[in-house]
Amino acid sequence: CVCMQDAAILAPTTRHFFWGGSVPPASNSRLSPLSHEPAGFYNVDIPMDSTKDVKKKEKELQAMEAELNKREKELKRKEEAASRAGIVIEDKNWPPFFPLIHHNISNEIPIHLQKMQYLAFSSFLGIALCLFFNIIATTTAWIKGEGVMVWLLAIIYFISGVPGAYVLWYRPLYNAMRTESALKFGWFFLFYMIHIIFCVWSAVSPPFPFKGNSLTGILPAIDVITKSLIVGIFYFVGFGLFCLESLLSIGVIQQVYMYFRGSGKSQELKQQAARGALSSAF
């Protein structure tokens, strides 16, 4: 056909018109691959333990495990022996920063007695605070020329009074609340009365048996304030602390005694005392 022949003749001319020249035939060649580039990091060689080192470590671990098992068995044996003997092993947990004693009111004291036990614990902390502040006050008095003897006596009061309060009346009350023991209640009443007498005597601080201002009572406070205002202020603060401790202690013994009478422990104590006297007579 003439039209097809004309189109065939015009095609090279049109291709030359648009592209400005002849178009080379397309090739079937592929893109050349990129050359290898460095990764930017280096390989780290991790040395592997030799078989000999691994076996050595295994032996050390086995020896440690055997030692731990041995200690665990020994501890279990001691706990069983203590349990058979009726001995209760108590972990020290108070104070938290430096455990010295076992103390757990919320888990060991009955709920209806916890308030009284917390009050007694406040009384124990109160006497510790009073005696510690007494050291501070007597230290200021010593600096102002009162003499070293008052400071030494204050140290003796503290190092003997705080452990003595714990052993003689606080711990017996703690065990009495926990075990409902009438004898332990009796022990508490005896030494807690001595504690109250000491607090009242310290709040007054008469000049006997030791002459001087070794306790921050009202009489020493009046005496030292005429010599030094700062020392007098310290002594009056100590006097206030001993007064508060005396009032708190009186409230504690009233509550414990009301519970003691109401629960029938007083009659039980009389019976136990009578049996003890009868057995000692024979």
Protein backbone atom coordinates (compact mmCIF):
# COMPACT_ATOMS: atom_id res chain seq x y z
CA CYS A 1 0.00 0.00 0.00
CA VAL A 2 1.29 3.55 -0.80
CA CYS A 3 0.45 4.96 2.67
CA MET A 4 2.44 2.29 4.46
CA GLN A 5 5.39 2.86 2.16
CA ASP A 6 5.25 6.63 2.87
CA ALA A 7 5.13 6.00 6.61
CA ALA A 8 8.15 3.74 6.34
CA ILE A 9 9.99 6.42 4.40
CA LEU A 10 9.00 9.22 6.84
CA ALA A 11 9.85 7.25 10.04
CA PRO A 12 13.64 7.71 9.85
CA THR A 13 13.14 11.36 8.97
CA THR A 14 10.80 11.95 11.94
CA ARG A 15 13.17 10.10 14.34
CA HIS A 16 16.01 12.25 13.09
CA PHE A 17 13.86 15.39 13.57
CA PHE A 18 12.97 14.68 17.27
CA TRP A 19 16.30 13.34 18.51
CA GLY A 20 18.59 15.40 16.41
CA GLY A 21 20.26 12.40 14.96
CA SER A 22 20.00 8.74 14.56
CA VAL A 23 19.16 6.65 17.64
CA PRO A 24 21.48 3.77 18.27
CA PRO A 25 19.88 0.50 18.94
CA ALA A 26 19.36 -0.38 22.64
CA SER A 27 21.90 -2.72 24.07
CA ASN A 28 21.14 -5.59 26.43
CA SER A 29 24.16 -4.91 28.69
CA ARG A 30 23.53 -4.78 32.50
CA LEU A 31 24.75 -2.20 35.04
CA SER A 32 28.22 -2.94 36.32
CA PRO A 33 28.31 -3.82 40.03
CA LEU A 34 29.74 -1.31 42.51
CA SER A 35 33.14 -1.93 43.92
CA HIS A 36 33.47 -3.10 47.53
CA GLU A 37 33.77 -0.32 50.12
CA PRO A 38 35.16 -0.52 53.64
CA ALA A 39 32.45 -1.04 56.29
CA GLY A 40 33.74 1.71 58.55
CA PHE A 41 34.32 -0.52 61.59
CA TYR A 42 36.81 -3.15 62.52
CA ASN A 43 36.29 -6.65 63.61
CA VAL A 44 36.84 -7.19 67.36
CA ASP A 45 38.55 -10.37 68.20
CA ILE A 46 37.10 -11.81 71.45
CA PRO A 47 39.44 -14.33 72.93
CA MET A 48 37.73 -17.54 73.88
CA ASP A 49 38.63 -19.36 77.07
CA SER A 50 40.53 -22.47 76.57
CA THR A 51 39.11 -25.80 77.62
CA LYS A 52 41.46 -25.87 80.59
CA ASP A 53 40.18 -22.52 81.89
CA VAL A 54 36.56 -23.58 81.48
CA LYS A 55 37.13 -26.75 83.47
CA LYS A 56 38.90 -24.77 86.18
CA LYS A 57 35.95 -22.39 86.51
CA GLU A 58 33.52 -25.29 86.61
CA LYS A 59 35.46 -26.82 89.48
CA GLU A 60 35.43 -23.51 91.36
CA LEU A 61 31.68 -23.15 90.90
CA GLN A 62 31.09 -26.71 92.05
CA ALA A 63 33.22 -26.09 95.15
CA MET A 64 31.26 -22.93 95.96
CA GLU A 65 27.97 -24.75 95.49
CA ALA A 66 29.10 -27.56 97.78
CA GLU A 67 30.12 -25.03 100.44
CA LEU A 68 26.76 -23.27 100.25
CA ASN A 69 24.90 -26.57 100.53
CA LYS A 70 26.99 -27.47 103.56
CA ARG A 71 26.22 -24.18 105.27
CA GLU A 72 22.53 -24.49 104.46
CA LYS A 73 22.38 -27.97 106.00
CA GLU A 74 24.24 -26.77 109.09
CA LEU A 75 21.88 -23.82 109.53
CA LYS A 76 18.85 -26.06 109.09
CA ARG A 77 20.23 -28.48 111.68
CA LYS A 78 20.72 -25.66 114.20
CA GLU A 79 17.20 -24.33 113.59
CA GLU A 80 15.70 -27.77 114.12
CA ALA A 81 17.71 -28.24 117.32
CA ALA A 82 16.61 -24.84 118.61
CA SER A 83 13.00 -25.61 117.73
CA ARG A 84 13.12 -28.90 119.64
CA ALA A 85 14.60 -27.08 122.64
CA GLY A 86 11.88 -24.43 122.53
CA ILE A 87 14.25 -21.63 121.56
CA VAL A 88 12.85 -18.99 119.20
CA ILE A 89 15.44 -17.57 116.81
CA GLU A 90 14.73 -13.90 116.17
CA ASP A 91 16.35 -11.87 113.43
CA LYS A 92 17.59 -8.42 114.34
CA ASN A 93 15.68 -5.84 112.32
CA TRP A 94 15.65 -2.59 114.28
CA PRO A 95 16.81 0.10 113.81
CA PRO A 96 16.71 -0.43 110.03
CA PHE A 97 20.01 1.33 109.32
CA PHE A 98 21.91 -0.68 111.98
CA PRO A 99 19.86 -3.62 113.32
CA LEU A 100 20.51 -4.32 117.01
CA ILE A 101 17.27 -5.87 118.28
CA HIS A 102 14.28 -7.82 117.02
CA HIS A 103 11.17 -5.65 116.96
CA ASN A 104 7.97 -6.28 114.98
CA ILE A 105 4.86 -5.01 116.73
CA SER A 106 2.54 -5.23 113.72
CA ASN A 107 3.18 -8.95 113.16
CA GLU A 108 3.84 -10.29 116.67
CA ILE A 109 1.57 -8.31 119.00
CA PRO A 110 -2.22 -8.90 118.94
CA ILE A 111 -4.14 -6.12 117.24
CA HIS A 112 -6.04 -5.05 120.38
CA LEU A 113 -2.73 -4.61 122.24
CA GLN A 114 -0.72 -2.86 119.55
CA LYS A 115 -1.74 0.65 120.62
CA MET A 116 -0.45 0.09 124.15
CA GLN A 117 2.75 -1.45 122.83
CA TYR A 118 3.34 1.51 120.53
CA LEU A 119 2.84 3.88 123.47
CA ALA A 120 5.35 1.90 125.51
CA PHE A 121 7.75 2.00 122.57
CA SER A 122 7.31 5.78 122.43
CA SER A 123 8.17 5.87 126.12
CA PHE A 124 11.34 3.88 125.45
CA LEU A 125 12.35 6.22 122.63
CA GLY A 126 11.47 9.15 124.88
CA ILE A 127 13.86 8.18 127.66
CA ALA A 128 16.57 7.63 125.05
CA LEU A 129 15.93 11.14 123.70
CA CYS A 130 15.95 12.67 127.19
CA LEU A 131 19.26 11.10 128.12
CA PHE A 132 20.84 11.97 124.77
CA PHE A 133 19.76 15.59 125.02
CA ASN A 134 21.05 15.57 128.58
CA ILE A 135 24.51 14.86 127.13
CA ILE A 136 24.19 17.84 124.78
CA ALA A 137 23.13 20.17 127.61
CA THR A 138 25.89 19.07 129.96
CA THR A 139 28.39 19.44 127.12
CA THR A 140 27.45 23.10 126.78
CA ALA A 141 27.71 23.47 130.57
CA TRP A 142 31.16 21.89 130.51
CA ILE A 143 32.29 24.28 127.78
CA LYS A 144 31.06 27.20 129.88
CA GLY A 145 33.14 26.03 132.84
CA GLU A 146 30.77 23.77 134.77
CA GLY A 147 33.29 20.94 135.04
CA VAL A 148 33.92 17.64 133.30
CA MET A 149 32.25 15.54 136.01
CA VAL A 150 28.73 16.54 134.96
CA TRP A 151 29.49 15.47 131.38
CA LEU A 152 30.91 12.10 132.46
CA LEU A 153 27.84 11.40 134.61
CA ALA A 154 25.58 12.27 131.66
CA ILE A 155 27.46 9.75 129.52
CA ILE A 156 27.03 7.10 132.22
CA TYR A 157 23.29 7.83 132.43
CA PHE A 158 22.92 7.32 128.69
CA ILE A 159 25.02 4.17 128.18
CA SER A 160 23.41 2.48 131.18
CA GLY A 161 19.91 3.92 131.03
CA VAL A 162 18.93 3.12 127.43
CA PRO A 163 20.02 -0.56 127.38
CA GLY A 164 18.72 -0.93 130.94
CA ALA A 165 15.29 0.38 129.95
CA TYR A 166 15.13 -2.04 127.05
CA VAL A 167 16.19 -5.10 129.05
CA LEU A 168 14.41 -4.38 132.33
CA TRP A 169 10.97 -3.15 131.27
CA TYR A 170 10.41 -2.72 127.53
CA ARG A 171 11.39 -6.20 126.39
CA PRO A 172 9.45 -7.88 129.26
CA LEU A 173 6.34 -5.93 128.26
CA TYR A 174 6.87 -6.87 124.60
CA ASN A 175 7.08 -10.56 125.51
CA ALA A 176 4.15 -10.24 127.92
CA MET A 177 1.95 -8.78 125.18
CA ARG A 178 3.06 -11.47 122.76
CA THR A 179 2.76 -14.50 125.06
CA GLU A 180 0.14 -13.27 127.58
CA SER A 181 2.51 -14.16 130.43
CA ALA A 182 1.41 -12.87 133.84
CA LEU A 183 4.92 -13.15 135.29
CA LYS A 184 6.35 -10.96 132.54
CA PHE A 185 3.66 -8.37 133.26
CA GLY A 186 4.69 -8.40 136.92
CA TRP A 187 8.33 -7.91 135.95
CA PHE A 188 7.34 -4.97 133.75
CA PHE A 189 5.35 -3.23 136.50
CA LEU A 190 8.23 -3.52 138.97
CA PHE A 191 10.89 -1.93 136.79
CA TYR A 192 8.57 0.52 135.02
CA MET A 193 7.73 2.05 138.38
CA ILE A 194 11.47 2.55 138.92
CA HIS A 195 11.62 4.14 135.46
CA ILE A 196 8.84 6.61 136.36
CA ILE A 197 10.53 7.50 139.64
CA PHE A 198 13.78 8.17 137.77
CA CYS A 199 12.01 10.42 135.23
CA VAL A 200 10.31 12.49 137.95
CA TRP A 201 13.55 12.69 139.94
CA SER A 202 15.43 13.80 136.80
CA ALA A 203 12.84 16.50 136.08
CA VAL A 204 13.54 17.94 139.53
CA SER A 205 17.24 16.94 139.82
CA PRO A 206 17.87 17.51 143.53
CA PRO A 207 21.54 17.84 144.56
CA PHE A 208 21.83 14.21 145.68
CA PRO A 209 23.21 11.58 145.38
CA PHE A 210 25.49 13.53 143.01
CA LYS A 211 26.11 17.18 143.68
CA GLY A 212 26.18 19.10 140.44
CA ASN A 213 24.19 19.67 137.28
CA SER A 214 24.53 16.28 135.61
CA LEU A 215 20.78 16.14 134.86
CA THR A 216 18.71 18.82 133.16
CA GLY A 217 16.11 19.27 135.89
CA ILE A 218 14.37 22.41 137.04
CA LEU A 219 16.75 23.09 139.93
CA PRO A 220 19.94 22.92 137.81
CA ALA A 221 18.21 24.97 135.10
CA ILE A 222 17.50 27.79 137.56
CA ASP A 223 21.06 27.57 138.83
CA VAL A 224 22.86 27.69 135.46
CA ILE A 225 20.67 30.33 133.79
CA THR A 226 22.09 32.92 136.17
CA LYS A 227 25.57 32.07 134.86
CA SER A 228 24.91 31.49 131.17
CA LEU A 229 21.72 32.12 129.23
CA ILE A 230 22.52 29.56 126.52
CA VAL A 231 23.23 26.79 129.02
CA GLY A 232 20.09 27.72 130.93
CA ILE A 233 17.97 27.40 127.77
CA PHE A 234 19.40 23.93 127.10
CA TYR A 235 18.64 22.88 130.67
CA PHE A 236 15.07 24.16 130.53
CA VAL A 237 14.48 22.24 127.29
CA GLY A 238 15.84 19.11 128.98
CA PHE A 239 13.53 19.76 131.93
CA GLY A 240 10.56 19.90 129.55
CA LEU A 241 11.58 16.61 127.93
CA PHE A 242 11.77 14.83 131.28
CA CYS A 243 8.33 16.22 132.21
CA LEU A 244 6.80 14.94 128.98
CA GLU A 245 8.44 11.55 129.47
CA SER A 246 7.07 11.34 133.01
CA LEU A 247 3.52 12.11 131.86
CA LEU A 248 3.73 9.63 128.97
CA SER A 249 5.08 6.91 131.25
CA ILE A 250 2.27 7.44 133.76
CA GLY A 251 -0.26 7.09 130.94
CA VAL A 252 1.40 3.89 129.71
CA ILE A 253 1.38 2.18 133.09
CA GLN A 254 -2.27 3.13 133.63
CA GLN A 255 -3.36 1.56 130.35
CA VAL A 256 -1.29 -1.59 130.84
CA TYR A 257 -2.58 -2.00 134.39
CA MET A 258 -6.21 -1.60 133.28
CA TYR A 259 -5.71 -4.33 130.70
CA PHE A 260 -3.86 -6.47 133.24
CA ARG A 261 -6.74 -6.26 135.72
CA GLY A 262 -9.48 -6.61 133.12
CA SER A 263 -8.01 -9.71 131.46
CA GLY A 264 -7.65 -11.65 134.71
CA LYS A 265 -3.87 -11.64 134.58
CA SER A 266 -3.64 -10.26 138.13
CA GLN A 267 -5.35 -13.35 139.54
CA GLU A 268 -3.14 -15.58 137.41
CA LEU A 269 -0.06 -13.79 138.73
CA LYS A 270 -1.19 -14.35 142.32
CA GLN A 271 -1.69 -18.04 141.63
CA GLN A 272 1.71 -18.38 139.98
CA ALA A 273 3.35 -16.51 142.87
CA ALA A 274 1.61 -18.78 145.38
CA ARG A 275 2.74 -21.91 143.55
CA GLY A 276 6.28 -20.54 143.42
CA ALA A 277 6.28 -19.81 147.14
CA LEU A 278 4.87 -23.25 147.90
CA SER A 279 7.46 -25.02 145.76
CA SER A 280 10.30 -23.02 147.34
CA ALA A 281 8.99 -23.90 150.82
CA PHE A 282 9.26 -27.59 150.06
